[in-house]
C-alpha atoms as a PDB file:
ATOM      1  CA  MET A   1       0.000   0.000   0.000  1.00  0.00           C
ATOM      2  CA  THR A   2       1.210   3.500  -0.842  1.00  0.00           C
ATOM      3  CA  TYR A   3       0.179   6.481   1.242  1.00  0.00           C
ATOM      4  CA  PRO A   4       0.494   9.868  -0.519  1.00  0.00           C
ATOM      5  CA  GLN A   5       1.668  12.605   1.824  1.00  0.00           C
ATOM      6  CA  SER A   6       2.797  16.194   1.564  1.00  0.00           C
ATOM      7  CA  ALA A   7       5.082  18.247   3.768  1.00  0.00           C
ATOM      8  CA  VAL A   8       6.263  21.816   4.097  1.00  0.00           C
ATOM      9  CA  ILE A   9       9.564  23.304   5.072  1.00  0.00           C
ATOM     10  CA  PRO A  10       8.332  26.459   6.830  1.00  0.00           C
ATOM     11  CA  PHE A  11      10.674  29.428   6.529  1.00  0.00           C
ATOM     12  CA  ARG A  12      11.070  33.121   7.128  1.00  0.00           C
ATOM     13  CA  ILE A  13      13.819  35.576   6.326  1.00  0.00           C
ATOM     14  CA  VAL A  14      14.916  37.788   9.222  1.00  0.00           C
ATOM     15  CA  ASP A  15      17.547  40.466   8.580  1.00  0.00           C
ATOM     16  CA  GLY A  16      18.480  38.678   5.366  1.00  0.00           C
ATOM     17  CA  LYS A  17      19.031  35.352   7.126  1.00  0.00           C
ATOM     18  CA  LEU A  18      17.023  32.191   6.512  1.00  0.00           C
ATOM     19  CA  GLU A  19      15.250  30.582   9.462  1.00  0.00           C
ATOM     20  CA  ILE A  20      13.379  27.263   9.412  1.00  0.00           C
ATOM     21  CA  LEU A  21      10.566  26.284  11.770  1.00  0.00           C
ATOM     22  CA  LEU A  22      10.930  22.739  13.073  1.00  0.00           C
ATOM     23  CA  ILE A  23       8.444  20.837  15.209  1.00  0.00           C
ATOM     24  CA  THR A  24       8.774  17.765  17.369  1.00  0.00           C
ATOM     25  CA  ALA A  25       7.301  14.450  16.292  1.00  0.00           C
ATOM     26  CA  ARG A  26       4.391  13.206  18.409  1.00  0.00           C
ATOM     27  CA  GLY A  27       6.780  11.326  20.695  1.00  0.00           C
ATOM     28  CA  GLY A  28       8.777  14.510  21.211  1.00  0.00           C
ATOM     29  CA  HIS A  29      12.160  12.921  20.512  1.00  0.00           C
ATOM     30  CA  ARG A  30      12.790  13.966  16.893  1.00  0.00           C
ATOM     31  CA  TRP A  31      12.709  17.266  15.038  1.00  0.00           C
ATOM     32  CA  ILE A  32      10.643  17.172  11.846  1.00  0.00           C
ATOM     33  CA  VAL A  33       8.707  19.378   9.434  1.00  0.00           C
ATOM     34  CA  PRO A  34       4.899  19.334   9.190  1.00  0.00           C
ATOM     35  CA  LYS A  35       3.538  16.561   6.959  1.00  0.00           C
ATOM     36  CA  GLY A  36       0.492  14.371   6.556  1.00  0.00           C
ATOM     37  CA  ILE A  37      -1.688  12.188   4.368  1.00  0.00           C
ATOM     38  CA  ILE A  38      -3.198  13.896   1.325  1.00  0.00           C
ATOM     39  CA  ASP A  39      -6.944  13.707   1.916  1.00  0.00           C
ATOM     40  CA  ASP A  40      -9.389  12.890  -0.860  1.00  0.00           C
ATOM     41  CA  GLY A  41     -10.497  16.057  -2.582  1.00  0.00           C
ATOM     42  CA  MET A  42      -7.430  18.030  -1.485  1.00  0.00           C
ATOM     43  CA  THR A  43      -4.284  18.821  -3.404  1.00  0.00           C
ATOM     44  CA  ALA A  44      -0.799  18.198  -2.032  1.00  0.00           C
ATOM     45  CA  VAL A  45      -0.358  21.956  -1.535  1.00  0.00           C
ATOM     46  CA  GLU A  46      -3.685  22.297   0.316  1.00  0.00           C
ATOM     47  CA  THR A  47      -2.800  19.359   2.559  1.00  0.00           C
ATOM     48  CA  ALA A  48       0.644  20.803   3.268  1.00  0.00           C
ATOM     49  CA  ALA A  49      -0.935  24.100   4.355  1.00  0.00           C
ATOM     50  CA  GLN A  50      -3.458  22.285   6.548  1.00  0.00           C
ATOM     51  CA  GLU A  51      -0.757  20.174   8.218  1.00  0.00           C
ATOM     52  CA  ALA A  52       1.323  23.304   8.855  1.00  0.00           C
ATOM     53  CA  TYR A  53      -1.637  24.835  10.668  1.00  0.00           C
ATOM     54  CA  GLU A  54      -2.569  21.695  12.632  1.00  0.00           C
ATOM     55  CA  GLU A  55       0.937  20.561  13.604  1.00  0.00           C
ATOM     56  CA  ALA A  56       2.867  23.854  13.851  1.00  0.00           C
ATOM     57  CA  GLY A  57       0.259  26.587  14.269  1.00  0.00           C
ATOM     58  CA  ILE A  58       1.408  28.558  11.256  1.00  0.00           C
ATOM     59  CA  ARG A  59      -0.217  30.082   8.215  1.00  0.00           C
ATOM     60  CA  GLY A  60       1.402  31.400   5.095  1.00  0.00           C
ATOM     61  CA  GLN A  61       2.009  30.913   1.413  1.00  0.00           C
ATOM     62  CA  VAL A  62       2.843  27.391   0.271  1.00  0.00           C
ATOM     63  CA  LEU A  63       4.858  27.700  -2.922  1.00  0.00           C
ATOM     64  CA  THR A  64       3.264  25.455  -5.533  1.00  0.00           C
ATOM     65  CA  GLU A  65       6.538  24.187  -6.991  1.00  0.00           C
ATOM     66  CA  MET A  66       7.552  20.929  -5.295  1.00  0.00           C
ATOM     67  CA  VAL A  67      11.165  21.102  -4.062  1.00  0.00           C
ATOM     68  CA  GLY A  68      11.657  17.386  -3.428  1.00  0.00           C
ATOM     69  CA  GLU A  69      10.142  14.056  -2.493  1.00  0.00           C
ATOM     70  CA  TYR A  70      11.032  10.977  -0.482  1.00  0.00           C
ATOM     71  CA  GLU A  71       9.615   7.693   0.744  1.00  0.00           C
ATOM     72  CA  TYR A  72       9.609   5.849   4.065  1.00  0.00           C
ATOM     73  CA  GLU A  73       7.932   2.763   5.455  1.00  0.00           C
ATOM     74  CA  LYS A  74       4.993   3.079   7.852  1.00  0.00           C
ATOM     75  CA  TRP A  75       1.648   1.380   8.551  1.00  0.00           C
ATOM     76  CA  GLY A  76       2.744  -1.730   6.638  1.00  0.00           C
ATOM     77  CA  GLY A  77       3.191   0.270   3.443  1.00  0.00           C
ATOM     78  CA  VAL A  78       5.207   3.086   1.922  1.00  0.00           C
ATOM     79  CA  CYS A  79       4.554   6.780   2.440  1.00  0.00           C
ATOM     80  CA  HIS A  80       5.438   8.900  -0.587  1.00  0.00           C
ATOM     81  CA  VAL A  81       6.027  12.494   0.549  1.00  0.00           C
ATOM     82  CA  GLN A  82       5.962  15.546  -1.726  1.00  0.00           C
ATOM     83  CA  VAL A  83       7.836  18.465  -0.137  1.00  0.00           C
ATOM     84  CA  PHE A  84       6.978  22.141  -0.597  1.00  0.00           C
ATOM     85  CA  LEU A  85       8.225  25.416   0.857  1.00  0.00           C
ATOM     86  CA  MET A  86       6.004  27.627   2.991  1.00  0.00           C
ATOM     87  CA  GLN A  87       6.731  31.282   3.574  1.00  0.00           C
ATOM     88  CA  VAL A  88       5.321  31.789   7.064  1.00  0.00           C
ATOM     89  CA  GLU A  89       3.155  34.882   7.482  1.00  0.00           C
ATOM     90  CA  GLU A  90       1.437  34.165  10.799  1.00  0.00           C
ATOM     91  CA  VAL A  91       2.459  32.229  13.925  1.00  0.00           C
ATOM     92  CA  LEU A  92      -0.517  31.360  16.118  1.00  0.00           C
ATOM     93  CA  GLU A  93      -0.395  31.147  19.892  1.00  0.00           C
ATOM     94  CA  ASN A  94      -2.934  28.317  19.988  1.00  0.00           C
ATOM     95  CA  TRP A  95      -3.219  25.517  17.457  1.00  0.00           C
ATOM     96  CA  PRO A  96      -4.716  22.011  17.312  1.00  0.00           C
ATOM     97  CA  GLU A  97      -1.576  20.030  18.244  1.00  0.00           C
ATOM     98  CA  ALA A  98       0.026  22.558  20.599  1.00  0.00           C
ATOM     99  CA  SER A  99      -0.380  20.275  23.608  1.00  0.00           C
ATOM    100  CA  PHE A 100       1.975  17.593  22.259  1.00  0.00           C
ATOM    101  CA  ARG A 101       4.356  19.376  19.889  1.00  0.00           C
ATOM    102  CA  THR A 102       7.123  21.891  20.422  1.00  0.00           C
ATOM    103  CA  ARG A 103       8.171  24.256  17.676  1.00  0.00           C
ATOM    104  CA  ARG A 104      11.425  26.154  17.259  1.00  0.00           C
ATOM    105  CA  TRP A 105      12.754  28.703  14.764  1.00  0.00           C
ATOM    106  CA  VAL A 106      16.383  27.928  13.954  1.00  0.00           C
ATOM    107  CA  ALA A 107      18.982  29.018  11.422  1.00  0.00           C
ATOM    108  CA  ALA A 108      18.973  26.834   8.307  1.00  0.00           C
ATOM    109  CA  GLU A 109      22.369  25.332   9.189  1.00  0.00           C
ATOM    110  CA  LYS A 110      21.078  24.322  12.629  1.00  0.00           C
ATOM    111  CA  ALA A 111      17.845  22.920  11.147  1.00  0.00           C
ATOM    112  CA  ARG A 112      19.899  20.717   8.841  1.00  0.00           C
ATOM    113  CA  GLU A 113      21.715  19.302  11.881  1.00  0.00           C
ATOM    114  CA  MET A 114      18.530  18.754  13.880  1.00  0.00           C
ATOM    115  CA  VAL A 115      16.385  16.836  11.370  1.00  0.00           C
ATOM    116  CA  GLN A 116      17.089  13.156  10.753  1.00  0.00           C
ATOM    117  CA  GLU A 117      15.349  12.601   7.396  1.00  0.00           C
ATOM    118  CA  PRO A 118      18.191  12.665   4.795  1.00  0.00           C
ATOM    119  CA  THR A 119      16.072  14.232   2.042  1.00  0.00           C
ATOM    120  CA  ILE A 120      14.910  17.057   4.308  1.00  0.00           C
ATOM    121  CA  LYS A 121      18.555  17.654   5.336  1.00  0.00           C
ATOM    122  CA  MET A 122      19.530  17.868   1.655  1.00  0.00           C
ATOM    123  CA  LEU A 123      16.636  20.185   0.777  1.00  0.00           C
ATOM    124  CA  ILE A 124      17.441  22.540   3.648  1.00  0.00           C
ATOM    125  CA  ALA A 125      21.088  22.600   2.560  1.00  0.00           C
ATOM    126  CA  ASP A 126      19.979  23.537  -0.973  1.00  0.00           C
ATOM    127  CA  LEU A 127      17.612  26.346   0.086  1.00  0.00           C
ATOM    128  CA  PRO A 128      20.143  29.213  -0.143  1.00  0.00           C
ATOM    129  CA  ARG A 129      20.687  28.430  -3.822  1.00  0.00           C
ATOM    130  CA  LEU A 130      16.938  28.285  -4.472  1.00  0.00           C
ATOM    131  CA  PHE A 131      16.272  31.490  -2.554  1.00  0.00           C
ATOM    132  CA  GLN A 132      18.828  33.683  -4.281  1.00  0.00           C
ATOM    133  CA  ASN A 133      16.519  33.985  -7.293  1.00  0.00           C
ATOM    134  CA  LYS A 134      13.123  33.874  -5.548  1.00  0.00           C
ATOM    135  CA  PHE A 135      13.721  36.223  -2.599  1.00  0.00           C
ATOM    136  CA  PRO A 136      15.732  39.395  -3.218  1.00  0.00           C
ATOM    137  CA  ALA A 137      15.950  40.144   0.540  1.00  0.00           C
ATOM    138  CA  PHE A 138      17.855  36.903   1.143  1.00  0.00           C
ATOM    139  CA  ARG A 139      21.595  36.996   1.807  1.00  0.00           C
ATOM    140  CA  ARG A 140      23.760  33.971   2.517  1.00  0.00           C
END
């Protein structure tokens, strides 16, 4: 069985520096990015935005261009994850999963160290190159 999922790498640019918002997995022992199953009737981008709200308490613009994808085994099948970027515009004080997740803004280099998923590490490492063209305010 294959489970289609989508994820976002939430980001903001502060004083020309890239910051990534990471959240803890439900068990609280790993740092991850928001992701979830793509529901019937929803697009991958819509699901990514919904998961960002539910898991991290953020709203913003999910860029429609997929930046990567990966697979992992779970529930006796394979989850296929499409990854998008989200420019965070609003950070909520209360959100659906606030009681069992922690969130933390960190520099991109630190985020790359904190996450365990190899594809997410690689995508975070590649963000400065992607951002040079898309975001004029960004400096390495």
